[in-house]
Amino acid sequence: MATVVDLLTYPVKGCAGTSLDSAYLTPAGLAHDRSFMVVSVDGVYRTQRRDPRLALVRPTISADGGRLTLASAERGSGDGVRGGGDGLDLDVVTSAPRRDVDLFGATFRGIDQGEAVAAWLSDFLGAPSRLVRVPPEHDRRTDGLTPGTSGYADSSAVHLLSRASLGNLNARMAERGAPPLVMDRFRPNIVVDSRPEGSHGEDWAAEPHAEDRIRRMTIGAADLGYTKLAVRCAVTLVDQEAGARGGPEPLRTLAGYRRAPGGGVVFGAKFSVVRPGKLSVGDEVDVAEWGDAEA
């Protein structure tokens, strides 16, 4: 057995996450997760691979999704916040004309959120930028073993990772003289760990990468289906607290033992939402079906 120890949502793709006690899992993932995206003036998505300062933008969104706040995690020498001013509150626009946006070469639609937030982001990132929101009619289909839908996520709606997998990686990195990493390097939505000591049942969550073998599971009132392994990219090289790219880890170590059949470096697993519902920190993860590991 395993339990949920953290739930994280990322309202603006590429920006900092928010830890939650409970959340509603919609067909497209945790409520409001990656429902906004920073793009260039040409509509091409911005990512920490090229704009690592995105990690320093801390968004919060109201429960109804109608109000978005952006704040900066970077403080200057005085009391103010450097780069983006003291933050920005905006009423979310859902009825403006749609525009084309590019995500990994695929064209989707987005609703531009106006000049004030565009100026804030452009100033903070040092590059002309706009903020768009997923339109209500957005119906993006995702692939994998269990097809689903998502907002502006890289692929599937939900990314799950276990503490055991991170602990194993950190132990391997320590053997190479590298310092340990924290979970936010990998930007999961759901973090799981073993049940408290003394609990009964098979402790699968103590096994690194056991999440790779889950095919169907129930958490709280929601059901999830496995789609694919999470292929890792240069975003994992970005220190999320500093908003700057670091050295070769963790990709250097992962490349030595976490290769998928197609050649990509993998860490964590992606899932689609089979049945929406509420989930909370402390919920048990009830695995209904297991499969074979792909890496």
Foldseek 3Di string as FASTA:
>chain_A
DKFFAWFWAALEPQEAIDTDQKFWQDQAGTPNHNQKFKAAPVQETDHLVVQLQNLQWDWDADPVRQKIKTAGLAPDPDPFHPQQTGIDMAGADAPADWDWHAAPNDTDIWAWRDDSVQVSVCRNRVHRITMTGFHPVDFAWAAFPDITGHHRPNGARFWEAEPLQQVVLQVLVVVVVDHGDDPVLPPGRTYMAFDDPPDDDDRQSNDHPQQQFFAWKDAAPWIKGFGFFAFDDQSSQRDSSVSDGDDDPPVVVQLVPAAFPVGTRTHTTHIGTPGIGMHGGGTDIGGPDTHDHRD
